[in-house]
Amino acid sequence: MLTGFARAFKTPDLRKKLLFTLGIVVLYRLGAHIPVPGVSYENVQTCVDQASKGNNSLFGLVNMFSGGALLQITIFALGIMPYITASIILQLLTVVIPRLEALKKEGQSGQAKITQYTRYLTVALAILQGTGLVATARSGALFSGCPVADQIVPNDSLFTTIVMVVTMTAGTAVVMWLGEVITDRGIGNGMSILMFISIAATFPSALWAIKTSGKLADGWIEFATVILVGFVMVALVVFVEQAQRRVPVQYAKRMIGRRSYGGTSTYIPLKVNQAGVIPVIFASSLLYIPALIVQFSNSTSGWAIWIQDHLVRGNHPYYITLYFLLIVFFAFFYVAISFNPEEVADNMKKYGGFIPGIRAGRPTAEYLSYVLNRITWPGSLYLGLIALVPTMALAGFDGADQNFPFGGTSILIIVGVGLETVKQIESQLQQRNYEGFLR
């Protein structure tokens, strides 16, 4: 791999793309450390240091996608999360709204229109999330238990609130623009690269927190165990993410004029994990809702106490069971809306394609649905097990499961983006030098 990087930097245009991507990444990480106007930096650091010693999992998912900028309340505090949410919402609405479905079928022009709608929705979500973050920080709920939590935003005037929300919304728009610039002029998908950097930026501090909070051999045993579990998880994720069921497809030979077309064999690649990381994000977001309701309501009734006892702590059997079942459900749900067997079967029939031994048309759609359901079961179970590794594997170490950096969401994104970026670099090297990135 090192020789592959050397060959990549020896290619002039590829070197420019890599250096341009690195420059954008530096700007992104710089913005993640600039505080929003109106925030007391000293009080924020005091509360962040205290929160790192305990379990602050309520905003853990958003904080992870922002590279730790959320709890720091910087200009990039919202990070890439509004864009991810907007993209998922538009993808779900494409199945429901006929107008969006028609735009999707129009090709590049229709996709450009959907991308424009995604940008508008991203800004709207950023305004909503920014307002919620400012209100949470001002009430002291962002760092519950911190003595100066209610002094993070000293000035509670309307002007200060508007400036903070506008600043964070503009920061989200800049992050979205940086991602699109990387896609156009850099290497890989820009949004995925920024997501990769955000998650990887939290690894060193999380690993060191495990070492300092450990009790066995000054924390080195917990530290080594986490590293070992992380390597095993990476190997498992790489193996499953590359696994696919290849459904053979044969195209009949057709004569158009004096030329013959078709007569070729290909396949439909159906991945074992067809849904990717989306089910884990859906399940995590859904389980945060009850905890948020309890925190903002300040209720002491029976239902609030039950939620705090059973659905807030990540190591409770109720939480683990519900989390696992939600991941399995959303895996099947997302595969059902993202892959349409009837549409694939109709396209195959239109161009003279068929699966050997299966009739074209409805039998082909039923066969594809059968195969897809068969491979989605192991894929959904794999997602559930990967997401629960921090709780199940490290339950014996105090504090290790709270700060475990190699969680299901982070590992799936890190490995997926890494593999995709390496494939893009390899394809560009093969076009120029007829050599791959990996030998």
Protein backbone atom coordinates (compact mmCIF):
# COMPACT_ATOMS: atom_id res chain seq x y z
CA MET A 1 0.00 0.00 0.00
CA LEU A 2 2.89 2.37 0.73
CA THR A 3 4.25 1.80 -2.78
CA GLY A 4 0.76 2.49 -4.08
CA PHE A 5 0.75 5.88 -2.32
CA ALA A 6 4.19 6.59 -3.76
CA ARG A 7 2.95 5.83 -7.29
CA ALA A 8 -0.13 7.98 -6.70
CA PHE A 9 1.99 10.99 -5.67
CA LYS A 10 4.28 10.47 -8.68
CA THR A 11 1.33 11.00 -11.02
CA PRO A 12 0.98 14.81 -11.43
CA ASP A 13 -2.79 15.18 -11.77
CA LEU A 14 -3.48 12.53 -9.13
CA ARG A 15 -1.02 14.25 -6.79
CA LYS A 16 -2.89 17.54 -7.26
CA LYS A 17 -6.18 15.84 -6.36
CA LEU A 18 -4.72 14.23 -3.24
CA LEU A 19 -3.09 17.47 -2.04
CA PHE A 20 -6.29 19.41 -2.77
CA THR A 21 -8.31 16.90 -0.71
CA LEU A 22 -5.81 17.15 2.16
CA GLY A 23 -6.03 20.95 2.06
CA ILE A 24 -9.84 20.88 2.29
CA VAL A 25 -9.59 18.41 5.20
CA VAL A 26 -7.26 20.81 7.05
CA LEU A 27 -9.75 23.67 6.56
CA TYR A 28 -12.55 21.45 7.81
CA ARG A 29 -10.68 20.47 10.97
CA LEU A 30 -9.69 24.12 11.55
CA GLY A 31 -13.33 25.20 11.46
CA ALA A 32 -14.19 22.45 13.96
CA HIS A 33 -12.08 24.30 16.59
CA ILE A 34 -13.37 27.88 16.10
CA PRO A 35 -16.02 28.64 18.78
CA VAL A 36 -19.35 30.22 17.91
CA PRO A 37 -19.71 33.92 18.91
CA GLY A 38 -21.51 34.29 22.22
CA VAL A 39 -20.16 31.08 23.80
CA SER A 40 -17.95 31.08 26.89
CA TYR A 41 -14.95 29.03 25.79
CA GLU A 42 -13.65 28.48 29.32
CA ASN A 43 -16.95 27.13 30.61
CA VAL A 44 -17.33 24.87 27.59
CA GLN A 45 -13.89 23.35 28.16
CA THR A 46 -14.68 22.79 31.83
CA CYS A 47 -17.89 20.92 30.99
CA VAL A 48 -16.28 18.96 28.13
CA ASP A 49 -13.51 17.72 30.43
CA GLN A 50 -16.09 16.62 32.96
CA ALA A 51 -18.31 14.98 30.32
CA SER A 52 -15.37 12.98 28.93
CA LYS A 53 -15.01 11.26 32.30
CA GLY A 54 -18.62 10.11 32.36
CA ASN A 55 -21.19 8.69 30.00
CA ASN A 56 -22.54 11.46 27.78
CA SER A 57 -24.10 9.22 25.17
CA LEU A 58 -27.22 11.32 24.58
CA PHE A 59 -25.55 13.49 21.94
CA GLY A 60 -22.88 10.90 21.14
CA LEU A 61 -24.00 10.14 17.57
CA VAL A 62 -24.19 13.77 16.42
CA ASN A 63 -20.97 14.60 18.27
CA MET A 64 -19.22 11.72 16.49
CA PHE A 65 -20.34 12.90 13.04
CA SER A 66 -19.13 16.42 13.83
CA GLY A 67 -15.68 15.23 14.92
CA GLY A 68 -16.26 16.38 18.51
CA ALA A 69 -17.29 19.89 17.40
CA LEU A 70 -20.85 19.61 18.73
CA LEU A 71 -19.96 19.59 22.42
CA GLN A 72 -17.31 22.27 21.72
CA ILE A 73 -20.09 24.43 20.14
CA THR A 74 -17.93 25.55 17.21
CA ILE A 75 -18.95 26.99 13.84
CA PHE A 76 -18.98 23.45 12.41
CA ALA A 77 -20.84 22.07 15.46
CA LEU A 78 -23.61 20.52 13.36
CA GLY A 79 -21.09 18.98 10.98
CA ILE A 80 -22.35 16.81 8.16
CA MET A 81 -25.34 15.46 10.10
CA PRO A 82 -28.00 17.82 8.57
CA TYR A 83 -26.90 16.79 5.07
CA ILE A 84 -27.03 13.09 5.98
CA THR A 85 -30.50 13.50 7.44
CA ALA A 86 -31.69 15.49 4.41
CA SER A 87 -30.29 12.88 2.01
CA ILE A 88 -32.03 10.05 3.86
CA ILE A 89 -35.33 11.96 3.95
CA LEU A 90 -35.18 12.70 0.20
CA GLN A 91 -34.33 9.09 -0.53
CA LEU A 92 -37.33 7.90 1.46
CA LEU A 93 -39.63 10.52 -0.12
CA THR A 94 -38.55 9.41 -3.60
CA VAL A 95 -40.48 6.18 -3.06
CA VAL A 96 -43.57 8.01 -1.72
CA ILE A 97 -43.82 11.13 -3.92
CA PRO A 98 -44.34 10.40 -7.67
CA ARG A 99 -42.76 13.71 -8.69
CA LEU A 100 -39.45 12.82 -7.01
CA GLU A 101 -39.58 9.32 -8.47
CA ALA A 102 -40.01 10.80 -11.94
CA LEU A 103 -37.05 13.13 -11.37
CA LYS A 104 -34.92 10.17 -10.33
CA LYS A 105 -35.69 8.42 -13.62
CA GLU A 106 -34.76 11.48 -15.71
CA GLY A 107 -31.07 10.80 -15.27
CA GLN A 108 -28.46 13.47 -14.58
CA SER A 109 -30.82 16.46 -14.88
CA GLY A 110 -33.32 14.93 -12.48
CA GLN A 111 -30.59 13.99 -10.02
CA ALA A 112 -29.32 17.57 -10.10
CA LYS A 113 -32.80 18.76 -9.14
CA ILE A 114 -32.96 16.27 -6.25
CA THR A 115 -29.52 17.45 -5.11
CA GLN A 116 -30.82 21.03 -5.09
CA TYR A 117 -33.78 19.99 -2.94
CA THR A 118 -31.34 18.21 -0.61
CA ARG A 119 -29.37 21.43 -0.16
CA TYR A 120 -32.49 23.43 0.71
CA LEU A 121 -33.59 20.79 3.20
CA THR A 122 -30.08 20.70 4.69
CA VAL A 123 -30.20 24.44 5.43
CA ALA A 124 -33.68 24.12 6.96
CA LEU A 125 -32.57 21.24 9.17
CA ALA A 126 -29.44 23.16 10.15
CA ILE A 127 -31.57 26.11 11.32
CA LEU A 128 -33.78 23.73 13.31
CA GLN A 129 -30.88 21.79 14.86
CA GLY A 130 -28.89 24.96 15.53
CA THR A 131 -31.82 26.50 17.39
CA GLY A 132 -32.23 23.32 19.42
CA LEU A 133 -28.51 23.22 20.25
CA VAL A 134 -28.48 26.85 21.42
CA ALA A 135 -31.59 26.28 23.55
CA THR A 136 -30.08 23.10 25.02
CA ALA A 137 -26.77 24.81 25.80
CA ARG A 138 -28.48 27.82 27.37
CA SER A 139 -30.67 25.65 29.63
CA GLY A 140 -27.68 23.65 30.84
CA ALA A 141 -29.09 20.36 29.51
CA LEU A 142 -26.17 19.91 27.10
CA PHE A 143 -23.86 19.11 30.03
CA SER A 144 -26.12 17.86 32.78
CA GLY A 145 -24.26 17.79 36.09
CA CYS A 146 -21.65 20.38 35.14
CA PRO A 147 -21.56 23.27 37.70
CA VAL A 148 -21.18 25.92 34.96
CA ALA A 149 -23.51 24.27 32.41
CA ASP A 150 -26.01 27.15 32.61
CA GLN A 151 -23.22 29.71 32.00
CA ILE A 152 -22.08 28.37 28.61
CA VAL A 153 -24.07 31.13 26.86
CA PRO A 154 -23.77 34.12 29.26
CA ASN A 155 -25.79 36.50 27.09
CA ASP A 156 -29.37 35.31 26.55
CA SER A 157 -30.46 38.16 24.27
CA LEU A 158 -32.37 37.50 21.04
CA PHE A 159 -29.59 39.03 18.94
CA THR A 160 -26.98 36.64 20.38
CA THR A 161 -29.27 33.67 19.72
CA ILE A 162 -29.82 34.72 16.09
CA VAL A 163 -26.08 35.23 15.54
CA MET A 164 -25.28 31.79 16.97
CA VAL A 165 -27.94 30.03 14.86
CA VAL A 166 -26.93 31.88 11.68
CA THR A 167 -23.25 31.10 12.31
CA MET A 168 -23.85 27.37 12.76
CA THR A 169 -26.19 27.27 9.75
CA ALA A 170 -23.55 29.01 7.62
CA GLY A 171 -20.99 26.53 8.95
CA THR A 172 -23.17 23.64 7.79
CA ALA A 173 -23.52 25.24 4.35
CA VAL A 174 -19.73 25.62 4.16
CA VAL A 175 -19.24 21.97 5.15
CA MET A 176 -21.70 20.94 2.43
CA TRP A 177 -19.81 23.07 -0.10
CA LEU A 178 -16.45 21.62 0.98
CA GLY A 179 -17.81 18.11 0.43
CA GLU A 180 -19.03 18.96 -3.05
CA VAL A 181 -15.70 20.58 -3.93
CA ILE A 182 -13.84 17.43 -2.89
CA THR A 183 -16.18 15.35 -5.08
CA ASP A 184 -15.56 17.60 -8.11
CA ARG A 185 -11.84 18.32 -7.78
CA GLY A 186 -10.49 15.83 -5.26
CA ILE A 187 -10.48 12.09 -4.60
CA GLY A 188 -13.54 10.12 -3.54
CA ASN A 189 -16.97 11.24 -2.41
CA GLY A 190 -16.57 14.52 -0.54
CA MET A 191 -19.30 14.00 2.04
CA SER A 192 -18.00 10.53 2.83
CA ILE A 193 -14.44 11.83 3.19
CA LEU A 194 -15.54 14.54 5.65
CA MET A 195 -17.55 11.96 7.59
CA PHE A 196 -14.47 9.71 7.66
CA ILE A 197 -12.30 12.54 8.99
CA SER A 198 -14.86 13.52 11.64
CA ILE A 199 -15.03 10.00 13.05
CA ALA A 200 -11.28 9.34 12.83
CA ALA A 201 -10.57 12.63 14.66
CA THR A 202 -12.29 11.30 17.80
CA PHE A 203 -10.25 8.07 17.97
CA PRO A 204 -7.10 9.32 19.78
CA SER A 205 -8.99 11.07 22.59
CA ALA A 206 -11.39 8.13 23.00
CA LEU A 207 -8.52 5.62 23.20
CA TRP A 208 -6.64 7.73 25.71
CA ALA A 209 -9.81 8.15 27.81
CA ILE A 210 -10.08 4.36 27.98
CA LYS A 211 -6.45 4.12 29.11
CA THR A 212 -6.80 6.78 31.80
CA SER A 213 -10.10 5.41 33.14
CA GLY A 214 -8.86 1.80 33.21
CA LYS A 215 -7.94 0.02 36.42
CA LEU A 216 -5.98 -3.03 35.24
CA ALA A 217 -2.23 -2.33 34.91
CA ASP A 218 -2.86 1.43 34.82
CA GLY A 219 -5.38 0.99 32.03
CA TRP A 220 -3.04 -0.73 29.56
CA ILE A 221 -5.01 -4.01 29.61
CA GLU A 222 -8.25 -2.20 28.71
CA PHE A 223 -6.37 -0.22 26.07
CA ALA A 224 -4.87 -3.37 24.48
CA THR A 225 -8.25 -5.15 24.60
CA VAL A 226 -9.95 -2.30 22.78
CA ILE A 227 -7.24 -2.26 20.09
CA LEU A 228 -7.56 -6.04 19.64
CA VAL A 229 -11.37 -5.91 19.42
CA GLY A 230 -11.06 -3.02 16.95
CA PHE A 231 -8.78 -5.01 14.61
CA VAL A 232 -11.12 -8.02 14.74
CA MET A 233 -14.10 -5.79 13.93
CA VAL A 234 -12.30 -4.15 11.01
CA ALA A 235 -11.44 -7.56 9.55
CA LEU A 236 -15.04 -8.75 9.97
CA VAL A 237 -16.50 -5.59 8.42
CA VAL A 238 -14.12 -5.76 5.43
CA PHE A 239 -15.06 -9.41 4.85
CA VAL A 240 -18.83 -8.84 5.02
CA GLU A 241 -18.84 -5.53 3.13
CA GLN A 242 -17.06 -7.20 0.20
CA ALA A 243 -19.38 -10.23 0.24
CA GLN A 244 -22.06 -10.35 -2.44
CA ARG A 245 -24.38 -12.76 -4.21
CA ARG A 246 -23.89 -12.58 -7.96
CA VAL A 247 -27.09 -13.43 -9.82
CA PRO A 248 -26.15 -14.48 -13.39
CA VAL A 249 -27.88 -12.67 -16.26
CA GLN A 250 -27.80 -13.75 -19.92
CA TYR A 251 -28.67 -11.38 -22.76
CA ALA A 252 -30.06 -12.86 -25.98
CA LYS A 253 -28.41 -11.99 -29.28
CA ARG A 254 -30.37 -9.49 -31.38
CA MET A 255 -29.84 -8.40 -35.00
CA ILE A 256 -30.32 -4.66 -35.69
CA GLY A 257 -29.55 -4.02 -39.33
CA ARG A 258 -26.30 -5.82 -40.10
CA ARG A 259 -25.01 -5.69 -36.55
CA SER A 260 -25.68 -8.14 -33.75
CA TYR A 261 -26.14 -7.01 -30.18
CA GLY A 262 -26.33 -8.98 -26.94
CA GLY A 263 -25.30 -12.54 -26.46
CA THR A 264 -23.25 -11.60 -23.42
CA SER A 265 -23.26 -12.85 -19.84
CA THR A 266 -23.12 -10.62 -16.78
CA TYR A 267 -24.44 -10.65 -13.23
CA ILE A 268 -26.41 -8.58 -10.71
CA PRO A 269 -24.29 -7.99 -7.58
CA LEU A 270 -26.46 -8.20 -4.45
CA LYS A 271 -24.44 -7.26 -1.39
CA VAL A 272 -24.95 -9.09 1.88
CA ASN A 273 -25.11 -5.69 3.62
CA GLN A 274 -27.25 -3.96 1.02
CA ALA A 275 -28.43 -1.27 3.46
CA GLY A 276 -24.97 -0.13 4.62
CA VAL A 277 -24.87 1.92 7.82
CA ILE A 278 -28.35 3.45 7.43
CA PRO A 279 -30.19 0.97 9.75
CA VAL A 280 -27.74 1.66 12.59
CA ILE A 281 -28.22 5.43 12.21
CA PHE A 282 -32.02 5.05 12.10
CA ALA A 283 -32.09 2.82 15.19
CA SER A 284 -29.71 5.07 17.16
CA SER A 285 -31.68 8.21 16.30
CA LEU A 286 -34.98 6.58 17.23
CA LEU A 287 -33.68 5.43 20.61
CA TYR A 288 -32.43 8.96 21.41
CA ILE A 289 -35.97 10.36 21.20
CA PRO A 290 -37.29 8.98 24.56
CA ALA A 291 -34.15 10.16 26.39
CA LEU A 292 -34.48 13.64 24.85
CA ILE A 293 -38.15 13.85 25.86
CA VAL A 294 -37.30 12.95 29.46
CA GLN A 295 -34.38 15.38 29.59
CA PHE A 296 -36.33 18.37 28.29
CA SER A 297 -39.54 17.62 30.21
CA ASN A 298 -37.77 17.30 33.60
CA SER A 299 -40.58 14.95 34.60
CA THR A 300 -40.36 12.74 37.69
CA SER A 301 -43.39 10.60 36.89
CA GLY A 302 -43.32 6.83 36.52
CA TRP A 303 -42.90 6.74 32.75
CA ALA A 304 -39.90 9.11 32.87
CA ILE A 305 -38.21 7.05 35.58
CA TRP A 306 -38.84 3.84 33.60
CA ILE A 307 -37.26 5.37 30.46
CA GLN A 308 -34.23 6.57 32.45
CA ASP A 309 -33.78 3.12 33.98
CA HIS A 310 -34.33 1.02 30.85
CA LEU A 311 -33.79 3.07 27.65
CA VAL A 312 -30.95 5.46 28.50
CA ARG A 313 -28.20 3.15 29.72
CA GLY A 314 -26.68 1.30 26.79
CA ASN A 315 -25.91 -1.84 28.79
CA HIS A 316 -29.49 -2.53 29.94
CA PRO A 317 -31.08 -5.70 28.45
CA TYR A 318 -34.18 -3.76 27.31
CA TYR A 319 -32.03 -1.22 25.47
CA ILE A 320 -29.86 -3.92 23.87
CA THR A 321 -32.86 -5.98 22.73
CA LEU A 322 -34.77 -2.99 21.33
CA TYR A 323 -31.66 -1.64 19.60
CA PHE A 324 -30.98 -5.00 17.94
CA LEU A 325 -34.58 -5.45 16.78
CA LEU A 326 -34.75 -1.92 15.37
CA ILE A 327 -31.55 -2.48 13.36
CA VAL A 328 -32.93 -5.71 11.87
CA PHE A 329 -36.25 -4.02 11.03
CA PHE A 330 -34.66 -0.97 9.39
CA ALA A 331 -32.28 -3.20 7.40
CA PHE A 332 -35.23 -4.95 5.75
CA PHE A 333 -37.14 -1.66 5.44
CA TYR A 334 -34.29 0.19 3.70
CA VAL A 335 -33.54 -2.71 1.34
CA ALA A 336 -37.22 -2.85 0.41
CA ILE A 337 -37.33 0.83 -0.59
CA SER A 338 -33.87 1.03 -2.22
CA PHE A 339 -34.02 -2.09 -4.42
CA ASN A 340 -37.09 -2.68 -6.59
CA PRO A 341 -37.12 -6.24 -8.02
CA GLU A 342 -40.05 -5.45 -10.34
CA GLU A 343 -38.19 -2.52 -11.90
CA VAL A 344 -35.01 -4.57 -12.36
CA ALA A 345 -36.98 -7.43 -13.92
CA ASP A 346 -38.76 -5.05 -16.33
CA ASN A 347 -35.47 -3.47 -17.41
CA MET A 348 -33.95 -6.90 -18.01
CA LYS A 349 -36.96 -7.97 -20.08
CA LYS A 350 -36.86 -4.74 -22.09
CA TYR A 351 -33.26 -5.36 -23.19
CA GLY A 352 -33.61 -9.09 -23.72
CA GLY A 353 -31.99 -10.22 -20.48
CA PHE A 354 -32.98 -13.21 -18.38
CA ILE A 355 -31.72 -15.27 -15.46
CA PRO A 356 -30.88 -18.84 -16.60
CA GLY A 357 -33.68 -21.17 -15.56
CA ILE A 358 -36.05 -18.30 -14.62
CA ARG A 359 -38.74 -16.87 -16.88
CA ALA A 360 -38.57 -13.18 -17.71
CA GLY A 361 -41.01 -10.77 -16.07
CA ARG A 362 -42.84 -11.58 -12.83
CA PRO A 363 -40.98 -14.89 -12.10
CA THR A 364 -37.69 -12.96 -12.31
CA ALA A 365 -38.96 -10.34 -9.84
CA GLU A 366 -40.11 -13.05 -7.43
CA TYR A 367 -36.75 -14.81 -7.68
CA LEU A 368 -34.84 -11.58 -7.00
CA SER A 369 -37.08 -10.86 -3.98
CA TYR A 370 -36.44 -14.38 -2.68
CA VAL A 371 -32.66 -14.04 -3.04
CA LEU A 372 -32.68 -10.55 -1.53
CA ASN A 373 -34.62 -11.67 1.54
CA ARG A 374 -32.29 -14.64 2.02
CA ILE A 375 -29.12 -12.51 2.04
CA THR A 376 -30.68 -9.62 4.01
CA TRP A 377 -31.18 -11.87 7.06
CA PRO A 378 -27.43 -12.47 7.67
CA GLY A 379 -26.71 -8.85 6.73
CA SER A 380 -29.17 -7.47 9.28
CA LEU A 381 -27.95 -9.84 12.02
CA TYR A 382 -24.37 -8.82 11.24
CA LEU A 383 -25.29 -5.12 11.58
CA GLY A 384 -26.98 -5.76 14.94
CA LEU A 385 -24.01 -7.69 16.31
CA ILE A 386 -21.49 -5.10 15.11
CA ALA A 387 -23.49 -2.29 16.72
CA LEU A 388 -23.64 -4.14 20.06
CA VAL A 389 -19.94 -5.07 20.27
CA PRO A 390 -19.00 -2.11 22.57
CA THR A 391 -21.60 -3.23 25.11
CA MET A 392 -21.24 -7.00 24.84
CA ALA A 393 -17.48 -7.43 24.47
CA LEU A 394 -16.31 -4.83 27.01
CA ALA A 395 -19.00 -5.04 29.68
CA GLY A 396 -16.41 -6.22 32.18
CA PHE A 397 -14.28 -3.09 31.94
CA ASP A 398 -15.53 0.02 33.69
CA GLY A 399 -15.70 2.98 31.32
CA ALA A 400 -14.39 1.07 28.31
CA ASP A 401 -17.80 0.52 26.77
CA GLN A 402 -18.70 4.21 27.22
CA ASN A 403 -15.66 5.53 25.36
CA PHE A 404 -15.25 2.64 22.91
CA PRO A 405 -14.29 4.29 19.60
CA PHE A 406 -14.74 1.25 17.36
CA GLY A 407 -18.53 1.21 17.51
CA GLY A 408 -20.68 -0.23 14.78
CA THR A 409 -21.51 3.07 13.07
CA SER A 410 -17.95 4.40 13.12
CA ILE A 411 -16.33 1.17 11.91
CA LEU A 412 -18.85 0.70 9.09
CA ILE A 413 -18.27 4.25 7.85
CA ILE A 414 -14.49 4.17 8.27
CA VAL A 415 -14.07 0.85 6.44
CA GLY A 416 -16.66 1.62 3.76
CA VAL A 417 -15.19 5.03 2.88
CA GLY A 418 -11.65 3.68 3.04
CA LEU A 419 -12.40 0.82 0.65
CA GLU A 420 -14.24 3.09 -1.79
CA THR A 421 -11.46 5.70 -1.79
CA VAL A 422 -8.77 3.06 -2.36
CA LYS A 423 -10.79 1.64 -5.27
CA GLN A 424 -11.02 5.09 -6.88
CA ILE A 425 -7.29 5.69 -6.53
CA GLU A 426 -6.59 2.22 -7.92
CA SER A 427 -8.85 2.77 -10.94
CA GLN A 428 -7.16 6.09 -11.75
CA LEU A 429 -3.72 4.49 -11.45
CA GLN A 430 -4.76 1.68 -13.78
CA GLN A 431 -5.97 4.21 -16.36
CA ARG A 432 -2.60 5.96 -16.38
CA ASN A 433 0.01 3.33 -15.51
CA TYR A 434 -1.86 0.05 -15.99
CA GLU A 435 -0.93 -0.77 -12.39
CA GLY A 436 -3.16 -1.18 -9.40
CA PHE A 437 -2.95 0.57 -6.05
CA LEU A 438 -2.60 -2.80 -4.31
CA ARG A 439 -0.50 -5.72 -5.56
